[in-house]
Amino acid sequence: MKMHRSQPNKQTGSMLLEGLISILLFSIGILAIVGLQAASTKMAGDAKYRSDASMLADQLVGQMWASDRTPATLQSNFSSPSGTQYANWLNSVNASLPGVSGVAANQPSVAFTTNTTTATPSSQATITIYWSSPDELARTPRITHKHIVVAELI
């Protein structure tokens, strides 16, 4: 009687290997989704700070338009750092944007240029707002964002 030895199947363990590879690919996909979610959250925060800076600058321009727009009045009420309306507006900026208060380099500025060559004198206001998001405050060098608005006040 002849006995046949059974040869081991060459595919033994391939199912286990396929399972490990599929778990690896699934894990890489999940990590990519988590990374995208973190980047999305950071970008949404940055967009909020940009829109807040734009709204604050527009608010100050609106106050300038509603006031007496003579160059002397604009200069005394709205110029940085001593204008009375500027001080009130600065409190709003400090409350709305991170990294403004306590950082001297991030203080917003308002500057005026007067044009007296025309029959009606006009002023041009340049409002510059700086901020740093909370995670950027700890970095060296610090990342600072800037929003500039130029308005012609006739």
C-alpha atoms as a PDB file:
ATOM      1  CA  MET A   1       0.000   0.000   0.000  1.00  0.00           C
ATOM      2  CA  LYS A   2       1.269   3.253  -1.037  1.00  0.00           C
ATOM      3  CA  MET A   3       0.840   6.154   1.305  1.00  0.00           C
ATOM      4  CA  HIS A   4       0.579   9.656   0.040  1.00  0.00           C
ATOM      5  CA  ARG A   5       1.886  12.441   2.089  1.00  0.00           C
ATOM      6  CA  SER A   6      -0.280  15.454   1.873  1.00  0.00           C
ATOM      7  CA  GLN A   7       1.645  18.543   0.990  1.00  0.00           C
ATOM      8  CA  PRO A   8       0.854  21.642   2.984  1.00  0.00           C
ATOM      9  CA  ASN A   9      -1.347  24.131   1.197  1.00  0.00           C
ATOM     10  CA  LYS A  10       0.766  27.052  -0.064  1.00  0.00           C
ATOM     11  CA  GLN A  11      -1.955  29.547   0.785  1.00  0.00           C
ATOM     12  CA  THR A  12      -2.038  28.805   4.466  1.00  0.00           C
ATOM     13  CA  GLY A  13      -2.186  32.104   6.410  1.00  0.00           C
ATOM     14  CA  SER A  14      -3.061  34.282   3.421  1.00  0.00           C
ATOM     15  CA  MET A  15      -6.427  35.153   4.921  1.00  0.00           C
ATOM     16  CA  LEU A  16      -4.717  36.443   8.065  1.00  0.00           C
ATOM     17  CA  LEU A  17      -2.341  38.557   5.958  1.00  0.00           C
ATOM     18  CA  GLU A  18      -5.229  39.989   3.942  1.00  0.00           C
ATOM     19  CA  GLY A  19      -7.046  40.863   7.162  1.00  0.00           C
ATOM     20  CA  LEU A  20      -3.996  42.678   8.575  1.00  0.00           C
ATOM     21  CA  ILE A  21      -3.534  44.654   5.346  1.00  0.00           C
ATOM     22  CA  SER A  22      -7.194  45.685   5.300  1.00  0.00           C
ATOM     23  CA  ILE A  23      -6.982  46.824   8.944  1.00  0.00           C
ATOM     24  CA  LEU A  24      -3.870  48.865   8.066  1.00  0.00           C
ATOM     25  CA  LEU A  25      -5.600  50.549   5.113  1.00  0.00           C
ATOM     26  CA  PHE A  26      -8.703  51.256   7.189  1.00  0.00           C
ATOM     27  CA  SER A  27      -6.556  52.794   9.962  1.00  0.00           C
ATOM     28  CA  ILE A  28      -4.723  55.040   7.481  1.00  0.00           C
ATOM     29  CA  GLY A  29      -8.095  56.222   6.130  1.00  0.00           C
ATOM     30  CA  ILE A  30      -9.415  57.008   9.614  1.00  0.00           C
ATOM     31  CA  LEU A  31      -6.243  58.925  10.501  1.00  0.00           C
ATOM     32  CA  ALA A  32      -6.579  60.952   7.295  1.00  0.00           C
ATOM     33  CA  ILE A  33     -10.182  61.828   8.167  1.00  0.00           C
ATOM     34  CA  VAL A  34      -9.158  62.892  11.694  1.00  0.00           C
ATOM     35  CA  GLY A  35      -6.391  65.083  10.211  1.00  0.00           C
ATOM     36  CA  LEU A  36      -8.843  66.689   7.798  1.00  0.00           C
ATOM     37  CA  GLN A  37     -11.249  67.377  10.660  1.00  0.00           C
ATOM     38  CA  ALA A  38      -8.495  69.112  12.679  1.00  0.00           C
ATOM     39  CA  ALA A  39      -7.450  71.231   9.683  1.00  0.00           C
ATOM     40  CA  SER A  40     -11.087  72.101   8.993  1.00  0.00           C
ATOM     41  CA  THR A  41     -11.606  73.263  12.582  1.00  0.00           C
ATOM     42  CA  LYS A  42      -8.481  75.457  12.438  1.00  0.00           C
ATOM     43  CA  MET A  43      -9.524  77.000   9.118  1.00  0.00           C
ATOM     44  CA  ALA A  44     -13.022  77.734  10.445  1.00  0.00           C
ATOM     45  CA  GLY A  45     -11.477  79.548  13.427  1.00  0.00           C
ATOM     46  CA  ASP A  46      -9.181  81.559  11.141  1.00  0.00           C
ATOM     47  CA  ALA A  47     -12.140  82.539   8.958  1.00  0.00           C
ATOM     48  CA  LYS A  48     -14.060  83.689  12.032  1.00  0.00           C
ATOM     49  CA  TYR A  49     -11.176  85.917  13.139  1.00  0.00           C
ATOM     50  CA  ARG A  50     -10.900  87.427   9.642  1.00  0.00           C
ATOM     51  CA  SER A  51     -14.620  88.186   9.508  1.00  0.00           C
ATOM     52  CA  ASP A  52     -14.515  89.649  13.037  1.00  0.00           C
ATOM     53  CA  ALA A  53     -11.618  91.932  12.050  1.00  0.00           C
ATOM     54  CA  SER A  54     -13.518  93.055   8.952  1.00  0.00           C
ATOM     55  CA  MET A  55     -16.678  93.713  10.977  1.00  0.00           C
ATOM     56  CA  LEU A  56     -14.752  95.714  13.600  1.00  0.00           C
ATOM     57  CA  ALA A  57     -13.067  97.875  10.946  1.00  0.00           C
ATOM     58  CA  ASP A  58     -16.409  98.470   9.212  1.00  0.00           C
ATOM     59  CA  GLN A  59     -17.944  99.387  12.574  1.00  0.00           C
ATOM     60  CA  LEU A  60     -15.306 102.090  13.106  1.00  0.00           C
ATOM     61  CA  VAL A  61     -15.739 103.426   9.568  1.00  0.00           C
ATOM     62  CA  GLY A  62     -19.486 103.622  10.208  1.00  0.00           C
ATOM     63  CA  GLN A  63     -18.881 105.617  13.370  1.00  0.00           C
ATOM     64  CA  MET A  64     -16.609 107.952  11.415  1.00  0.00           C
ATOM     65  CA  TRP A  65     -19.280 108.480   8.753  1.00  0.00           C
ATOM     66  CA  ALA A  66     -21.921 109.179  11.408  1.00  0.00           C
ATOM     67  CA  SER A  67     -19.741 111.769  13.156  1.00  0.00           C
ATOM     68  CA  ASP A  68     -18.667 115.228  12.072  1.00  0.00           C
ATOM     69  CA  ARG A  69     -16.269 114.334   9.251  1.00  0.00           C
ATOM     70  CA  THR A  70     -14.043 117.373   9.474  1.00  0.00           C
ATOM     71  CA  PRO A  71     -10.362 116.390   9.515  1.00  0.00           C
ATOM     72  CA  ALA A  72      -9.762 117.908  12.962  1.00  0.00           C
ATOM     73  CA  THR A  73     -12.706 116.063  14.520  1.00  0.00           C
ATOM     74  CA  LEU A  74     -11.767 112.757  12.927  1.00  0.00           C
ATOM     75  CA  GLN A  75      -8.185 113.152  14.121  1.00  0.00           C
ATOM     76  CA  SER A  76      -9.162 113.964  17.713  1.00  0.00           C
ATOM     77  CA  ASN A  77     -11.882 111.322  18.042  1.00  0.00           C
ATOM     78  CA  PHE A  78     -10.621 108.339  16.061  1.00  0.00           C
ATOM     79  CA  SER A  79      -6.849 108.428  15.678  1.00  0.00           C
ATOM     80  CA  SER A  80      -4.741 105.955  17.595  1.00  0.00           C
ATOM     81  CA  PRO A  81      -3.750 105.814  20.401  1.00  0.00           C
ATOM     82  CA  SER A  82      -5.431 108.843  22.009  1.00  0.00           C
ATOM     83  CA  GLY A  83      -8.780 109.303  20.261  1.00  0.00           C
ATOM     84  CA  THR A  84     -11.818 109.039  22.528  1.00  0.00           C
ATOM     85  CA  GLN A  85     -13.842 106.900  20.103  1.00  0.00           C
ATOM     86  CA  TYR A  86     -10.714 104.881  19.329  1.00  0.00           C
ATOM     87  CA  ALA A  87     -10.419 103.861  22.991  1.00  0.00           C
ATOM     88  CA  ASN A  88     -14.016 102.557  23.008  1.00  0.00           C
ATOM     89  CA  TRP A  89     -13.460 100.712  19.740  1.00  0.00           C
ATOM     90  CA  LEU A  90     -10.176  99.246  21.031  1.00  0.00           C
ATOM     91  CA  ASN A  91     -12.098  97.612  23.895  1.00  0.00           C
ATOM     92  CA  SER A  92     -14.322  95.884  21.313  1.00  0.00           C
ATOM     93  CA  VAL A  93     -11.274  94.712  19.364  1.00  0.00           C
ATOM     94  CA  ASN A  94      -9.629  93.341  22.521  1.00  0.00           C
ATOM     95  CA  ALA A  95     -12.830  91.477  23.422  1.00  0.00           C
ATOM     96  CA  SER A  96     -13.349  90.000  19.936  1.00  0.00           C
ATOM     97  CA  LEU A  97      -9.904  89.066  18.640  1.00  0.00           C
ATOM     98  CA  PRO A  98      -7.268  86.915  20.362  1.00  0.00           C
ATOM     99  CA  GLY A  99      -3.699  88.056  20.773  1.00  0.00           C
ATOM    100  CA  VAL A 100      -4.457  91.802  20.657  1.00  0.00           C
ATOM    101  CA  SER A 101      -4.476  92.783  24.301  1.00  0.00           C
ATOM    102  CA  GLY A 102      -1.200  92.372  26.105  1.00  0.00           C
ATOM    103  CA  VAL A 103       0.838  92.291  22.878  1.00  0.00           C
ATOM    104  CA  ALA A 104       2.098  95.799  22.087  1.00  0.00           C
ATOM    105  CA  ALA A 105       2.930  94.918  18.480  1.00  0.00           C
ATOM    106  CA  ASN A 106      -0.661  93.775  17.881  1.00  0.00           C
ATOM    107  CA  GLN A 107      -2.375  97.037  18.826  1.00  0.00           C
ATOM    108  CA  PRO A 108      -4.655  98.252  16.031  1.00  0.00           C
ATOM    109  CA  SER A 109      -3.852 101.565  14.412  1.00  0.00           C
ATOM    110  CA  VAL A 110      -5.955 104.280  12.804  1.00  0.00           C
ATOM    111  CA  ALA A 111      -4.187 106.905  10.693  1.00  0.00           C
ATOM    112  CA  PHE A 112      -5.611 109.806   8.714  1.00  0.00           C
ATOM    113  CA  THR A 113      -4.434 111.604   5.597  1.00  0.00           C
ATOM    114  CA  THR A 114      -6.133 114.856   4.678  1.00  0.00           C
ATOM    115  CA  ASN A 115      -6.688 115.999   1.096  1.00  0.00           C
ATOM    116  CA  THR A 116      -7.218 119.767   0.946  1.00  0.00           C
ATOM    117  CA  THR A 117      -6.499 120.261  -2.765  1.00  0.00           C
ATOM    118  CA  THR A 118     -10.171 119.931  -3.726  1.00  0.00           C
ATOM    119  CA  ALA A 119     -13.049 122.305  -2.953  1.00  0.00           C
ATOM    120  CA  THR A 120     -14.352 119.882  -0.324  1.00  0.00           C
ATOM    121  CA  PRO A 121     -11.615 118.679   2.015  1.00  0.00           C
ATOM    122  CA  SER A 122     -11.623 114.942   2.574  1.00  0.00           C
ATOM    123  CA  SER A 123      -9.848 112.534   4.852  1.00  0.00           C
ATOM    124  CA  GLN A 124      -8.601 109.066   4.132  1.00  0.00           C
ATOM    125  CA  ALA A 125      -8.653 106.702   7.104  1.00  0.00           C
ATOM    126  CA  THR A 126      -6.368 103.673   7.191  1.00  0.00           C
ATOM    127  CA  ILE A 127      -7.389 101.121   9.810  1.00  0.00           C
ATOM    128  CA  THR A 128      -4.985  98.268  10.515  1.00  0.00           C
ATOM    129  CA  ILE A 129      -5.995  95.406  12.810  1.00  0.00           C
ATOM    130  CA  TYR A 130      -3.567  92.706  13.969  1.00  0.00           C
ATOM    131  CA  TRP A 131      -4.303  89.443  15.778  1.00  0.00           C
ATOM    132  CA  SER A 132      -2.763  86.068  16.548  1.00  0.00           C
ATOM    133  CA  SER A 133      -4.843  82.954  17.111  1.00  0.00           C
ATOM    134  CA  PRO A 134      -4.383  81.232  20.490  1.00  0.00           C
ATOM    135  CA  ASP A 135      -2.188  78.421  19.130  1.00  0.00           C
ATOM    136  CA  GLU A 136       0.000  80.943  17.284  1.00  0.00           C
ATOM    137  CA  LEU A 137       0.713  83.032  20.394  1.00  0.00           C
ATOM    138  CA  ALA A 138       3.019  80.356  21.795  1.00  0.00           C
ATOM    139  CA  ARG A 139       5.059  79.939  18.602  1.00  0.00           C
ATOM    140  CA  THR A 140       8.429  81.550  18.075  1.00  0.00           C
ATOM    141  CA  PRO A 141       8.404  83.611  15.937  1.00  0.00           C
ATOM    142  CA  ARG A 142       4.782  84.560  16.563  1.00  0.00           C
ATOM    143  CA  ILE A 143       2.460  84.466  13.578  1.00  0.00           C
ATOM    144  CA  THR A 144       0.490  87.701  13.261  1.00  0.00           C
ATOM    145  CA  HIS A 145      -2.426  88.267  10.912  1.00  0.00           C
ATOM    146  CA  LYS A 146      -3.301  91.698   9.561  1.00  0.00           C
ATOM    147  CA  HIS A 147      -6.444  93.255   8.098  1.00  0.00           C
ATOM    148  CA  ILE A 148      -6.232  96.718   6.501  1.00  0.00           C
ATOM    149  CA  VAL A 149      -9.200  98.893   5.540  1.00  0.00           C
ATOM    150  CA  VAL A 150      -8.848 102.209   3.717  1.00  0.00           C
ATOM    151  CA  ALA A 151     -11.891 104.497   3.669  1.00  0.00           C
ATOM    152  CA  GLU A 152     -12.354 107.868   1.978  1.00  0.00           C
ATOM    153  CA  LEU A 153     -14.405 110.195   4.197  1.00  0.00           C
ATOM    154  CA  ILE A 154     -15.825 113.192   2.332  1.00  0.00           C
END
